[in-house]
Amino acid sequence: MKIRELLEDSKVRYGASRIQKDLIEVGFSTAIITTSDSMRRKQLVPKAAKNFQVTTNSDHQLPIAVKLLERDFSADAPNQKWVLTIIIIGGRQS
């Protein structure tokens, strides 16, 4: 049961070697092969961490919008100033 707890504490990321080190730290004497076999029998498989994916391309030649309001959003009456945020996900603006 302790192996399952340690694996869940690691967000299911630790393999047998890290789990074995944690078991030794909490007072259990175990070998790496025993820990690995126990994880296999219980079908405890760690998840691989995902690689970081860059989502912003700052190196482009596209024109940058002019800031006409200069952060002055105050208005004397309704509908004088409108603001819009455009978010592009997963591709280029066409």
Protein backbone atom coordinates (compact mmCIF):
# COMPACT_ATOMS: atom_id res chain seq x y z
CA MET A 1 0.00 0.00 0.00
CA LYS A 2 2.90 2.39 0.72
CA ILE A 3 4.09 2.16 -2.90
CA ARG A 4 0.68 3.31 -4.18
CA GLU A 5 0.69 6.24 -1.72
CA LEU A 6 4.18 7.35 -2.74
CA LEU A 7 3.26 7.09 -6.43
CA GLU A 8 0.12 9.19 -5.90
CA ASP A 9 2.14 11.76 -3.89
CA SER A 10 4.43 12.13 -6.92
CA LYS A 11 1.41 12.75 -9.19
CA VAL A 12 2.08 9.31 -10.72
CA ARG A 13 5.44 10.50 -12.10
CA TYR A 14 8.00 8.48 -10.07
CA GLY A 15 9.38 5.22 -11.37
CA ALA A 16 10.62 2.25 -9.33
CA SER A 17 14.01 3.79 -8.50
CA ARG A 18 12.56 6.97 -7.01
CA ILE A 19 9.84 5.03 -5.20
CA GLN A 20 12.54 2.75 -3.73
CA LYS A 21 14.51 5.76 -2.47
CA ASP A 22 11.36 7.19 -0.86
CA LEU A 23 10.60 3.82 0.76
CA ILE A 24 14.09 3.75 2.28
CA GLU A 25 13.62 7.32 3.58
CA VAL A 26 10.41 6.35 5.41
CA GLY A 27 12.03 3.25 6.93
CA PHE A 28 11.33 0.35 4.56
CA SER A 29 14.27 -1.79 3.48
CA THR A 30 13.75 -2.85 -0.13
CA ALA A 31 15.68 -3.55 -3.31
CA ILE A 32 14.97 -1.88 -6.64
CA ILE A 33 13.95 -5.18 -8.27
CA THR A 34 11.47 -5.87 -5.45
CA THR A 35 9.96 -2.40 -5.82
CA SER A 36 9.78 -2.78 -9.60
CA ASP A 37 8.17 -6.23 -9.38
CA SER A 38 5.65 -4.99 -6.82
CA MET A 39 4.69 -2.03 -9.05
CA ARG A 40 4.30 -4.36 -12.03
CA ARG A 41 2.09 -6.81 -10.09
CA LYS A 42 -0.13 -3.95 -8.94
CA GLN A 43 -0.15 -2.49 -12.47
CA LEU A 44 1.24 0.83 -11.22
CA VAL A 45 2.71 2.57 -14.26
CA PRO A 46 4.14 6.10 -13.95
CA LYS A 47 3.13 8.73 -16.50
CA ALA A 48 5.81 10.38 -18.60
CA ALA A 49 6.05 14.14 -18.16
CA LYS A 50 4.93 16.17 -21.16
CA ASN A 51 7.48 18.32 -22.96
CA PHE A 52 7.10 22.10 -22.84
CA GLN A 53 5.50 23.45 -25.99
CA VAL A 54 6.12 27.03 -27.10
CA THR A 55 2.84 28.70 -28.04
CA THR A 56 4.00 32.26 -28.81
CA ASN A 57 5.87 33.33 -31.93
CA SER A 58 7.34 36.75 -31.19
CA ASP A 59 9.70 36.62 -34.18
CA HIS A 60 7.35 37.73 -36.97
CA GLN A 61 6.99 40.58 -39.45
CA LEU A 62 3.26 41.14 -38.89
CA PRO A 63 2.16 44.72 -38.18
CA ILE A 64 1.47 45.65 -34.56
CA ALA A 65 -1.76 47.52 -33.84
CA VAL A 66 -1.49 51.19 -32.93
CA LYS A 67 -2.56 52.05 -29.36
CA LEU A 68 -5.01 54.84 -30.10
CA LEU A 69 -6.41 55.11 -26.56
CA GLU A 70 -3.00 55.23 -24.82
CA ARG A 71 -4.65 53.40 -21.87
CA ASP A 72 -7.19 56.20 -21.37
CA PHE A 73 -10.44 54.23 -21.17
CA SER A 74 -12.57 56.98 -19.63
CA ALA A 75 -15.46 58.32 -21.67
CA ASP A 76 -18.05 61.09 -21.23
CA ALA A 77 -20.94 59.01 -22.60
CA PRO A 78 -21.67 55.37 -23.51
CA ASN A 79 -20.39 53.89 -26.80
CA GLN A 80 -17.57 56.40 -27.29
CA LYS A 81 -14.74 53.91 -26.76
CA TRP A 82 -14.78 50.19 -27.40
CA VAL A 83 -12.02 47.76 -26.55
CA LEU A 84 -11.43 44.30 -28.01
CA THR A 85 -8.94 41.57 -27.20
CA ILE A 86 -8.08 39.07 -29.92
CA ILE A 87 -6.65 35.71 -28.90
CA ILE A 88 -5.33 33.38 -31.59
CA ILE A 89 -5.06 29.74 -30.56
CA GLY A 90 -3.29 27.05 -32.55
CA GLY A 91 -2.40 28.86 -35.72
CA ARG A 92 -1.71 32.03 -37.60
CA GLN A 93 -3.99 34.97 -38.11
CA SER A 94 -5.24 35.05 -41.69
